[in-house]
């Protein structure tokens, strides 16, 4: 077979397209079956409760969003570029989201909308009976995972522009960055920082929003620590479903694993960046632990 033959290349393309379409059809069929099952299930509440699962990248937001969707009382919209809920990974217009909430077959409707994390307080004001779950993860693992997936993306495509004050190049993530965060990044950024340094500064920038938006003072917001969620699954997700006011089913934690905790060797980061991240991590941990009692 001559692989340079255009006919062969076209046949390969059509085969891949066919496999993609078949997989998409299977996923849609599974989604429809889930919709019917939830529509037929008696629910403990009749009101629809939108839940915005937010935080920083590679921190377990989609894991939590998906677990809610596995419940017979939940329906999830995980972050996806082609999802009807999102446009460029951000939530679409409110009227679209509200329509989908009304049409949901289950009372708890979760959205894995991490790119809208900076608007969490506004979302809670705009959507009736809404709640939010802020998921955070130790910065070492979040940064390792980010660098493994996106290499220098956070360092060169985001943090560099924050340090230069050029927020227009950041898109949605350039909104509502506090002067405190901007100054810290400007002081710690250098052209030669590592990819891990950049990912950690991004972790700081996003998780600092939890306090800057005063979400820690809002009873409609639950903070979830990733490590606690994967190492103590039953306790962690019972807590989440108690917060949502829905029965917990142990089946929702199938597929949640703890092997990603400390999975990759940590190369270390700049001492100043480490100090900033350690201090914020301590604040997040203190706030999280105070909610367990």
C-alpha atoms as a PDB file:
ATOM      1  CA  UNK A   1       0.000   0.000   0.000  1.00  0.00           C
ATOM      2  CA  UNK A   2       1.362   3.404  -1.006  1.00  0.00           C
ATOM      3  CA  UNK A   3       0.731   5.704   1.968  1.00  0.00           C
ATOM      4  CA  UNK A   4       1.530   8.758  -0.121  1.00  0.00           C
ATOM      5  CA  UNK A   5      -1.397   7.953  -2.444  1.00  0.00           C
ATOM      6  CA  UNK A   6      -4.124  10.607  -1.856  1.00  0.00           C
ATOM      7  CA  UNK A   7      -6.793   7.922  -2.232  1.00  0.00           C
ATOM      8  CA  UNK A   8      -5.306   5.945   0.657  1.00  0.00           C
ATOM      9  CA  UNK A   9      -5.146   9.100   2.804  1.00  0.00           C
ATOM     10  CA  UNK A  10      -8.778   9.888   2.060  1.00  0.00           C
ATOM     11  CA  UNK A  11      -9.841   6.357   2.990  1.00  0.00           C
ATOM     12  CA  UNK A  12      -7.977   6.662   6.304  1.00  0.00           C
ATOM     13  CA  UNK A  13      -9.629   9.993   6.990  1.00  0.00           C
ATOM     14  CA  UNK A  14     -13.106   8.588   6.286  1.00  0.00           C
ATOM     15  CA  UNK A  15     -12.466   5.599   8.552  1.00  0.00           C
ATOM     16  CA  UNK A  16     -11.406   7.898  11.400  1.00  0.00           C
ATOM     17  CA  UNK A  17     -14.425  10.105  10.768  1.00  0.00           C
ATOM     18  CA  UNK A  18     -16.712   7.076  10.848  1.00  0.00           C
ATOM     19  CA  UNK A  19     -15.214   5.891  14.155  1.00  0.00           C
ATOM     20  CA  UNK A  20     -15.605   9.385  15.601  1.00  0.00           C
ATOM     21  CA  UNK A  21     -19.241   9.611  14.525  1.00  0.00           C
ATOM     22  CA  UNK A  22     -20.043   6.134  15.886  1.00  0.00           C
ATOM     23  CA  UNK A  23     -18.493   7.053  19.229  1.00  0.00           C
ATOM     24  CA  UNK A  24     -20.441  10.295  19.296  1.00  0.00           C
ATOM     25  CA  UNK A  25     -23.664   8.432  18.532  1.00  0.00           C
ATOM     26  CA  UNK A  26     -22.955   5.969  21.366  1.00  0.00           C
ATOM     27  CA  UNK A  27     -22.337   8.828  23.798  1.00  0.00           C
ATOM     28  CA  UNK A  28     -25.538  10.598  22.736  1.00  0.00           C
ATOM     29  CA  UNK A  29     -27.520   7.360  23.113  1.00  0.00           C
ATOM     30  CA  UNK A  30     -26.084   6.841  26.607  1.00  0.00           C
ATOM     31  CA  UNK A  31     -26.896  10.440  27.479  1.00  0.00           C
ATOM     32  CA  UNK A  32     -30.479  10.011  26.276  1.00  0.00           C
ATOM     33  CA  UNK A  33     -30.900   6.795  28.280  1.00  0.00           C
ATOM     34  CA  UNK A  34     -29.639   8.628  31.358  1.00  0.00           C
ATOM     35  CA  UNK A  35     -32.101  11.444  30.717  1.00  0.00           C
ATOM     36  CA  UNK A  36     -35.045   8.995  30.542  1.00  0.00           C
ATOM     37  CA  UNK A  37     -33.913   7.184  33.697  1.00  0.00           C
ATOM     38  CA  UNK A  38     -33.704  10.418  35.688  1.00  0.00           C
ATOM     39  CA  UNK A  39     -36.992  11.703  34.296  1.00  0.00           C
ATOM     40  CA  UNK A  40     -38.675   8.542  35.638  1.00  0.00           C
ATOM     41  CA  UNK A  41     -36.904   8.675  39.017  1.00  0.00           C
ATOM     42  CA  UNK A  42     -38.741  10.212  42.010  1.00  0.00           C
ATOM     43  CA  UNK A  43     -36.627  13.042  43.383  1.00  0.00           C
ATOM     44  CA  UNK A  44     -36.414  14.333  46.969  1.00  0.00           C
ATOM     45  CA  UNK A  45     -36.854  17.945  45.831  1.00  0.00           C
ATOM     46  CA  UNK A  46     -38.756  19.568  42.989  1.00  0.00           C
ATOM     47  CA  UNK A  47     -36.786  22.796  42.681  1.00  0.00           C
ATOM     48  CA  UNK A  48     -33.892  22.928  40.232  1.00  0.00           C
ATOM     49  CA  UNK A  49     -30.545  23.701  41.850  1.00  0.00           C
ATOM     50  CA  UNK A  50     -27.733  24.814  39.527  1.00  0.00           C
ATOM     51  CA  UNK A  51     -24.284  24.011  40.899  1.00  0.00           C
ATOM     52  CA  UNK A  52     -21.217  25.752  39.502  1.00  0.00           C
ATOM     53  CA  UNK A  53     -18.083  23.660  40.035  1.00  0.00           C
ATOM     54  CA  UNK A  54     -15.162  26.061  39.866  1.00  0.00           C
ATOM     55  CA  UNK A  55     -11.508  26.519  40.800  1.00  0.00           C
ATOM     56  CA  UNK A  56      -8.226  26.210  38.931  1.00  0.00           C
ATOM     57  CA  UNK A  57      -7.233  23.890  36.098  1.00  0.00           C
ATOM     58  CA  UNK A  58      -6.150  20.310  36.812  1.00  0.00           C
ATOM     59  CA  UNK A  59      -7.666  20.410  40.285  1.00  0.00           C
ATOM     60  CA  UNK A  60     -10.547  17.922  40.043  1.00  0.00           C
ATOM     61  CA  UNK A  61     -13.439  20.180  39.061  1.00  0.00           C
ATOM     62  CA  UNK A  62     -14.577  17.858  36.283  1.00  0.00           C
ATOM     63  CA  UNK A  63     -14.281  14.874  38.630  1.00  0.00           C
ATOM     64  CA  UNK A  64     -16.694  16.521  41.073  1.00  0.00           C
ATOM     65  CA  UNK A  65     -19.003  17.740  38.314  1.00  0.00           C
ATOM     66  CA  UNK A  66     -19.114  14.263  36.789  1.00  0.00           C
ATOM     67  CA  UNK A  67     -19.767  12.566  40.123  1.00  0.00           C
ATOM     68  CA  UNK A  68     -22.821  14.782  40.636  1.00  0.00           C
ATOM     69  CA  UNK A  69     -23.989  13.785  37.162  1.00  0.00           C
ATOM     70  CA  UNK A  70     -23.712  10.096  38.044  1.00  0.00           C
ATOM     71  CA  UNK A  71     -26.356  10.494  40.727  1.00  0.00           C
ATOM     72  CA  UNK A  72     -29.921   9.709  39.667  1.00  0.00           C
ATOM     73  CA  UNK A  73     -30.755  13.108  41.156  1.00  0.00           C
ATOM     74  CA  UNK A  74     -28.050  14.919  39.172  1.00  0.00           C
ATOM     75  CA  UNK A  75     -27.374  16.021  35.624  1.00  0.00           C
ATOM     76  CA  UNK A  76     -23.971  17.319  34.595  1.00  0.00           C
ATOM     77  CA  UNK A  77     -22.470  19.546  31.938  1.00  0.00           C
ATOM     78  CA  UNK A  78     -18.724  19.057  32.057  1.00  0.00           C
ATOM     79  CA  UNK A  79     -16.405  21.562  30.436  1.00  0.00           C
ATOM     80  CA  UNK A  80     -16.148  20.775  26.748  1.00  0.00           C
ATOM     81  CA  UNK A  81     -15.545  23.015  23.767  1.00  0.00           C
ATOM     82  CA  UNK A  82     -18.315  21.325  21.769  1.00  0.00           C
ATOM     83  CA  UNK A  83     -20.789  21.136  24.655  1.00  0.00           C
ATOM     84  CA  UNK A  84     -24.013  23.101  24.056  1.00  0.00           C
ATOM     85  CA  UNK A  85     -23.466  24.815  27.400  1.00  0.00           C
ATOM     86  CA  UNK A  86     -20.091  26.338  26.519  1.00  0.00           C
ATOM     87  CA  UNK A  87     -18.626  28.641  23.922  1.00  0.00           C
ATOM     88  CA  UNK A  88     -14.823  28.803  24.017  1.00  0.00           C
ATOM     89  CA  UNK A  89     -15.051  26.965  27.353  1.00  0.00           C
ATOM     90  CA  UNK A  90     -17.183  29.709  28.944  1.00  0.00           C
ATOM     91  CA  UNK A  91     -20.853  29.470  29.846  1.00  0.00           C
ATOM     92  CA  UNK A  92     -23.185  30.688  27.147  1.00  0.00           C
ATOM     93  CA  UNK A  93     -25.824  33.393  27.666  1.00  0.00           C
ATOM     94  CA  UNK A  94     -27.893  33.160  30.843  1.00  0.00           C
ATOM     95  CA  UNK A  95     -31.129  32.469  28.946  1.00  0.00           C
ATOM     96  CA  UNK A  96     -29.570  29.353  27.395  1.00  0.00           C
ATOM     97  CA  UNK A  97     -28.274  28.074  30.730  1.00  0.00           C
ATOM     98  CA  UNK A  98     -31.590  28.785  32.462  1.00  0.00           C
ATOM     99  CA  UNK A  99     -33.461  26.939  29.704  1.00  0.00           C
ATOM    100  CA  UNK A 100     -31.218  23.892  30.118  1.00  0.00           C
ATOM    101  CA  UNK A 101     -31.706  23.988  33.885  1.00  0.00           C
ATOM    102  CA  UNK A 102     -35.497  24.036  33.438  1.00  0.00           C
ATOM    103  CA  UNK A 103     -35.342  21.116  30.996  1.00  0.00           C
ATOM    104  CA  UNK A 104     -33.029  19.048  33.179  1.00  0.00           C
ATOM    105  CA  UNK A 105     -34.468  15.634  34.151  1.00  0.00           C
ATOM    106  CA  UNK A 106     -32.955  15.921  37.637  1.00  0.00           C
ATOM    107  CA  UNK A 107     -33.024  18.640  40.300  1.00  0.00           C
ATOM    108  CA  UNK A 108     -29.248  19.043  40.735  1.00  0.00           C
ATOM    109  CA  UNK A 109     -27.649  20.470  37.589  1.00  0.00           C
ATOM    110  CA  UNK A 110     -23.858  20.756  37.726  1.00  0.00           C
ATOM    111  CA  UNK A 111     -21.668  22.856  35.452  1.00  0.00           C
ATOM    112  CA  UNK A 112     -17.896  22.343  35.252  1.00  0.00           C
ATOM    113  CA  UNK A 113     -17.224  25.962  34.336  1.00  0.00           C
ATOM    114  CA  UNK A 114     -13.714  26.687  35.616  1.00  0.00           C
ATOM    115  CA  UNK A 115     -13.112  29.445  33.066  1.00  0.00           C
ATOM    116  CA  UNK A 116     -15.946  31.381  34.759  1.00  0.00           C
ATOM    117  CA  UNK A 117     -14.498  30.987  38.253  1.00  0.00           C
ATOM    118  CA  UNK A 118     -13.816  34.725  38.500  1.00  0.00           C
ATOM    119  CA  UNK A 119     -17.561  35.360  38.124  1.00  0.00           C
ATOM    120  CA  UNK A 120     -18.727  32.850  40.740  1.00  0.00           C
ATOM    121  CA  UNK A 121     -20.292  35.493  42.984  1.00  0.00           C
ATOM    122  CA  UNK A 122     -22.152  36.967  40.003  1.00  0.00           C
ATOM    123  CA  UNK A 123     -23.416  33.548  38.914  1.00  0.00           C
ATOM    124  CA  UNK A 124     -24.797  32.917  42.382  1.00  0.00           C
ATOM    125  CA  UNK A 125     -26.676  36.218  42.178  1.00  0.00           C
ATOM    126  CA  UNK A 126     -28.034  35.618  38.666  1.00  0.00           C
ATOM    127  CA  UNK A 127     -29.274  32.040  39.078  1.00  0.00           C
ATOM    128  CA  UNK A 128     -32.006  31.287  41.618  1.00  0.00           C
ATOM    129  CA  UNK A 129     -31.238  28.695  44.291  1.00  0.00           C
ATOM    130  CA  UNK A 130     -27.746  28.202  42.852  1.00  0.00           C
ATOM    131  CA  UNK A 131     -24.722  26.898  44.727  1.00  0.00           C
ATOM    132  CA  UNK A 132     -21.019  26.652  43.970  1.00  0.00           C
ATOM    133  CA  UNK A 133     -18.277  24.176  44.799  1.00  0.00           C
ATOM    134  CA  UNK A 134     -14.707  25.473  44.790  1.00  0.00           C
ATOM    135  CA  UNK A 135     -12.231  22.622  44.252  1.00  0.00           C
ATOM    136  CA  UNK A 136      -8.538  23.127  44.979  1.00  0.00           C
ATOM    137  CA  UNK A 137      -5.535  20.822  44.811  1.00  0.00           C
ATOM    138  CA  UNK A 138      -2.001  21.003  46.195  1.00  0.00           C
ATOM    139  CA  UNK A 139      -0.077  23.242  43.854  1.00  0.00           C
ATOM    140  CA  UNK A 140       2.736  20.752  43.214  1.00  0.00           C
ATOM    141  CA  UNK A 141       0.422  18.170  41.635  1.00  0.00           C
ATOM    142  CA  UNK A 142      -1.729  20.755  39.859  1.00  0.00           C
ATOM    143  CA  UNK A 143       1.378  22.349  38.320  1.00  0.00           C
ATOM    144  CA  UNK A 144       2.926  19.012  37.368  1.00  0.00           C
ATOM    145  CA  UNK A 145      -0.287  17.973  35.652  1.00  0.00           C
ATOM    146  CA  UNK A 146      -0.588  21.337  33.888  1.00  0.00           C
ATOM    147  CA  UNK A 147       2.973  21.259  32.584  1.00  0.00           C
ATOM    148  CA  UNK A 148       2.555  17.648  31.458  1.00  0.00           C
ATOM    149  CA  UNK A 149      -0.556  18.620  29.481  1.00  0.00           C
ATOM    150  CA  UNK A 150       0.202  22.159  28.302  1.00  0.00           C
ATOM    151  CA  UNK A 151       3.985  22.585  28.676  1.00  0.00           C
ATOM    152  CA  UNK A 152       4.754  26.347  28.863  1.00  0.00           C
ATOM    153  CA  UNK A 153       1.188  27.561  28.286  1.00  0.00           C
ATOM    154  CA  UNK A 154       0.588  29.200  31.672  1.00  0.00           C
ATOM    155  CA  UNK A 155       4.051  30.740  31.825  1.00  0.00           C
ATOM    156  CA  UNK A 156       4.126  32.251  28.329  1.00  0.00           C
ATOM    157  CA  UNK A 157       0.458  32.719  27.426  1.00  0.00           C
ATOM    158  CA  UNK A 158      -0.957  33.963  30.724  1.00  0.00           C
ATOM    159  CA  UNK A 159       1.460  34.825  33.525  1.00  0.00           C
ATOM    160  CA  UNK A 160       3.760  36.825  31.260  1.00  0.00           C
ATOM    161  CA  UNK A 161       0.883  39.099  30.257  1.00  0.00           C
ATOM    162  CA  UNK A 162      -0.301  39.518  33.849  1.00  0.00           C
ATOM    163  CA  UNK A 163       3.221  40.590  34.818  1.00  0.00           C
ATOM    164  CA  UNK A 164       3.202  43.131  31.982  1.00  0.00           C
ATOM    165  CA  UNK A 165      -0.315  44.356  32.807  1.00  0.00           C
ATOM    166  CA  UNK A 166      -1.575  43.388  29.355  1.00  0.00           C
ATOM    167  CA  UNK A 167      -4.853  41.822  30.491  1.00  0.00           C
ATOM    168  CA  UNK A 168      -6.486  42.136  27.084  1.00  0.00           C
ATOM    169  CA  UNK A 169      -4.458  39.155  25.890  1.00  0.00           C
ATOM    170  CA  UNK A 170      -5.835  36.907  28.627  1.00  0.00           C
ATOM    171  CA  UNK A 171      -9.452  36.722  27.543  1.00  0.00           C
ATOM    172  CA  UNK A 172     -11.856  35.924  30.375  1.00  0.00           C
ATOM    173  CA  UNK A 173      -9.047  35.006  32.744  1.00  0.00           C
ATOM    174  CA  UNK A 174      -7.868  38.604  32.706  1.00  0.00           C
ATOM    175  CA  UNK A 175     -11.023  39.751  34.498  1.00  0.00           C
ATOM    176  CA  UNK A 176     -11.138  40.540  38.210  1.00  0.00           C
ATOM    177  CA  UNK A 177      -7.481  39.939  39.000  1.00  0.00           C
ATOM    178  CA  UNK A 178      -6.865  41.898  42.173  1.00  0.00           C
ATOM    179  CA  UNK A 179      -4.132  44.527  42.469  1.00  0.00           C
ATOM    180  CA  UNK A 180      -2.568  42.341  45.168  1.00  0.00           C
ATOM    181  CA  UNK A 181      -2.314  39.363  42.815  1.00  0.00           C
ATOM    182  CA  UNK A 182      -1.085  41.507  39.936  1.00  0.00           C
ATOM    183  CA  UNK A 183       1.666  43.025  42.073  1.00  0.00           C
ATOM    184  CA  UNK A 184       2.747  39.652  43.418  1.00  0.00           C
ATOM    185  CA  UNK A 185       3.037  38.171  39.926  1.00  0.00           C
ATOM    186  CA  UNK A 186       4.843  41.235  38.598  1.00  0.00           C
ATOM    187  CA  UNK A 187       7.385  40.991  41.426  1.00  0.00           C
ATOM    188  CA  UNK A 188       7.968  37.250  41.052  1.00  0.00           C
ATOM    189  CA  UNK A 189       7.921  36.885  37.287  1.00  0.00           C
ATOM    190  CA  UNK A 190      11.140  36.689  35.284  1.00  0.00           C
ATOM    191  CA  UNK A 191      11.670  35.761  31.650  1.00  0.00           C
ATOM    192  CA  UNK A 192      13.646  32.688  32.696  1.00  0.00           C
ATOM    193  CA  UNK A 193      11.183  31.181  35.178  1.00  0.00           C
ATOM    194  CA  UNK A 194      10.421  27.501  34.658  1.00  0.00           C
ATOM    195  CA  UNK A 195       7.175  26.050  33.320  1.00  0.00           C
ATOM    196  CA  UNK A 196       6.445  24.842  36.856  1.00  0.00           C
ATOM    197  CA  UNK A 197       6.998  28.361  38.213  1.00  0.00           C
ATOM    198  CA  UNK A 198       4.504  29.707  35.689  1.00  0.00           C
ATOM    199  CA  UNK A 199       1.947  26.997  36.461  1.00  0.00           C
ATOM    200  CA  UNK A 200       2.256  27.691  40.198  1.00  0.00           C
ATOM    201  CA  UNK A 201       1.742  31.422  39.701  1.00  0.00           C
ATOM    202  CA  UNK A 202      -1.353  30.584  37.682  1.00  0.00           C
ATOM    203  CA  UNK A 203      -2.519  28.271  40.512  1.00  0.00           C
ATOM    204  CA  UNK A 204      -2.037  31.191  42.898  1.00  0.00           C
ATOM    205  CA  UNK A 205      -3.857  33.655  40.627  1.00  0.00           C
ATOM    206  CA  UNK A 206      -6.922  31.452  40.253  1.00  0.00           C
ATOM    207  CA  UNK A 207      -7.211  30.160  43.811  1.00  0.00           C
ATOM    208  CA  UNK A 208      -6.689  33.630  45.264  1.00  0.00           C
ATOM    209  CA  UNK A 209     -10.094  34.470  43.754  1.00  0.00           C
ATOM    210  CA  UNK A 210     -11.748  32.270  46.384  1.00  0.00           C
ATOM    211  CA  UNK A 211     -10.826  34.848  49.014  1.00  0.00           C
ATOM    212  CA  UNK A 212     -10.850  37.972  46.831  1.00  0.00           C
ATOM    213  CA  UNK A 213     -14.490  37.291  45.887  1.00  0.00           C
ATOM    214  CA  UNK A 214     -15.256  36.526  49.552  1.00  0.00           C
ATOM    215  CA  UNK A 215     -16.572  33.103  48.602  1.00  0.00           C
ATOM    216  CA  UNK A 216     -15.243  31.779  51.908  1.00  0.00           C
ATOM    217  CA  UNK A 217     -17.932  33.884  53.610  1.00  0.00           C
ATOM    218  CA  UNK A 218     -20.792  32.737  51.380  1.00  0.00           C
ATOM    219  CA  UNK A 219     -22.888  29.798  52.711  1.00  0.00           C
ATOM    220  CA  UNK A 220     -23.844  28.960  49.118  1.00  0.00           C
ATOM    221  CA  UNK A 221     -20.226  27.942  48.434  1.00  0.00           C
ATOM    222  CA  UNK A 222     -18.575  24.695  49.541  1.00  0.00           C
ATOM    223  CA  UNK A 223     -14.798  24.339  49.433  1.00  0.00           C
ATOM    224  CA  UNK A 224     -13.503  20.885  48.476  1.00  0.00           C
ATOM    225  CA  UNK A 225      -9.910  19.708  48.773  1.00  0.00           C
ATOM    226  CA  UNK A 226      -8.940  17.340  45.958  1.00  0.00           C
ATOM    227  CA  UNK A 227      -6.715  15.147  48.125  1.00  0.00           C
ATOM    228  CA  UNK A 228      -9.470  14.687  50.696  1.00  0.00           C
ATOM    229  CA  UNK A 229     -11.936  13.875  47.922  1.00  0.00           C
ATOM    230  CA  UNK A 230      -9.834  11.083  46.395  1.00  0.00           C
ATOM    231  CA  UNK A 231      -8.318   9.667  49.596  1.00  0.00           C
ATOM    232  CA  UNK A 232     -11.570   9.752  51.627  1.00  0.00           C
ATOM    233  CA  UNK A 233     -14.133   9.301  48.881  1.00  0.00           C
ATOM    234  CA  UNK A 234     -17.133   8.212  50.923  1.00  0.00           C
ATOM    235  CA  UNK A 235     -16.769  10.961  53.516  1.00  0.00           C
ATOM    236  CA  UNK A 236     -15.940  13.645  50.955  1.00  0.00           C
ATOM    237  CA  UNK A 237     -18.827  12.987  48.595  1.00  0.00           C
ATOM    238  CA  UNK A 238     -21.336  12.436  51.387  1.00  0.00           C
ATOM    239  CA  UNK A 239     -20.353  15.946  52.513  1.00  0.00           C
ATOM    240  CA  UNK A 240     -20.869  17.284  48.991  1.00  0.00           C
ATOM    241  CA  UNK A 241     -24.309  15.707  48.631  1.00  0.00           C
ATOM    242  CA  UNK A 242     -25.351  16.892  52.096  1.00  0.00           C
ATOM    243  CA  UNK A 243     -24.449  20.395  50.937  1.00  0.00           C
ATOM    244  CA  UNK A 244     -26.588  19.890  47.821  1.00  0.00           C
ATOM    245  CA  UNK A 245     -29.495  18.508  49.859  1.00  0.00           C
ATOM    246  CA  UNK A 246     -29.658  15.226  47.958  1.00  0.00           C
ATOM    247  CA  UNK A 247     -29.201  11.561  48.924  1.00  0.00           C
ATOM    248  CA  UNK A 248     -25.740  10.113  48.463  1.00  0.00           C
ATOM    249  CA  UNK A 249     -25.230   6.940  46.408  1.00  0.00           C
ATOM    250  CA  UNK A 250     -21.860   5.194  46.662  1.00  0.00           C
ATOM    251  CA  UNK A 251     -22.035   4.309  42.945  1.00  0.00           C
ATOM    252  CA  UNK A 252     -21.089   7.884  42.072  1.00  0.00           C
ATOM    253  CA  UNK A 253     -17.511   7.427  43.293  1.00  0.00           C
ATOM    254  CA  UNK A 254     -16.776   4.525  40.955  1.00  0.00           C
ATOM    255  CA  UNK A 255     -13.827   5.530  38.819  1.00  0.00           C
ATOM    256  CA  UNK A 256     -12.434   8.065  41.284  1.00  0.00           C
ATOM    257  CA  UNK A 257      -8.825   7.144  42.078  1.00  0.00           C
ATOM    258  CA  UNK A 258      -6.053   8.498  44.272  1.00  0.00           C
ATOM    259  CA  UNK A 259      -3.043   7.480  42.170  1.00  0.00           C
ATOM    260  CA  UNK A 260      -2.643  11.051  40.897  1.00  0.00           C
ATOM    261  CA  UNK A 261      -1.639  12.294  44.361  1.00  0.00           C
ATOM    262  CA  UNK A 262       2.122  12.806  44.202  1.00  0.00           C
ATOM    263  CA  UNK A 263       2.193  10.953  40.877  1.00  0.00           C
ATOM    264  CA  UNK A 264       5.138  12.815  39.348  1.00  0.00           C
ATOM    265  CA  UNK A 265       8.412  13.870  40.898  1.00  0.00           C
ATOM    266  CA  UNK A 266       8.364  17.524  41.893  1.00  0.00           C
ATOM    267  CA  UNK A 267      11.283  19.505  40.394  1.00  0.00           C
ATOM    268  CA  UNK A 268      10.908  22.416  42.796  1.00  0.00           C
ATOM    269  CA  UNK A 269      10.200  26.075  42.093  1.00  0.00           C
ATOM    270  CA  UNK A 270      11.522  29.558  42.799  1.00  0.00           C
ATOM    271  CA  UNK A 271      11.656  30.200  46.617  1.00  0.00           C
ATOM    272  CA  UNK A 272       9.549  33.370  46.347  1.00  0.00           C
ATOM    273  CA  UNK A 273       6.842  31.605  44.341  1.00  0.00           C
ATOM    274  CA  UNK A 274       6.935  28.664  46.748  1.00  0.00           C
ATOM    275  CA  UNK A 275       6.454  30.999  49.722  1.00  0.00           C
ATOM    276  CA  UNK A 276       3.411  32.659  48.102  1.00  0.00           C
ATOM    277  CA  UNK A 277       1.842  29.317  47.161  1.00  0.00           C
ATOM    278  CA  UNK A 278       2.551  27.787  50.584  1.00  0.00           C
ATOM    279  CA  UNK A 279       0.846  30.716  52.302  1.00  0.00           C
ATOM    280  CA  UNK A 280      -2.230  30.527  50.073  1.00  0.00           C
ATOM    281  CA  UNK A 281      -2.368  26.733  50.400  1.00  0.00           C
ATOM    282  CA  UNK A 282      -2.311  27.128  54.189  1.00  0.00           C
ATOM    283  CA  UNK A 283      -5.225  29.586  53.994  1.00  0.00           C
ATOM    284  CA  UNK A 284      -7.215  27.254  51.771  1.00  0.00           C
ATOM    285  CA  UNK A 285      -6.484  24.281  54.044  1.00  0.00           C
ATOM    286  CA  UNK A 286      -7.477  26.211  57.154  1.00  0.00           C
ATOM    287  CA  UNK A 287     -10.734  27.298  55.579  1.00  0.00           C
ATOM    288  CA  UNK A 288     -11.452  23.782  54.294  1.00  0.00           C
ATOM    289  CA  UNK A 289     -10.708  22.136  57.640  1.00  0.00           C
ATOM    290  CA  UNK A 290     -12.915  24.631  59.467  1.00  0.00           C
ATOM    291  CA  UNK A 291     -15.886  23.418  57.390  1.00  0.00           C
ATOM    292  CA  UNK A 292     -15.408  19.785  58.433  1.00  0.00           C
ATOM    293  CA  UNK A 293     -16.518  20.390  62.007  1.00  0.00           C
END
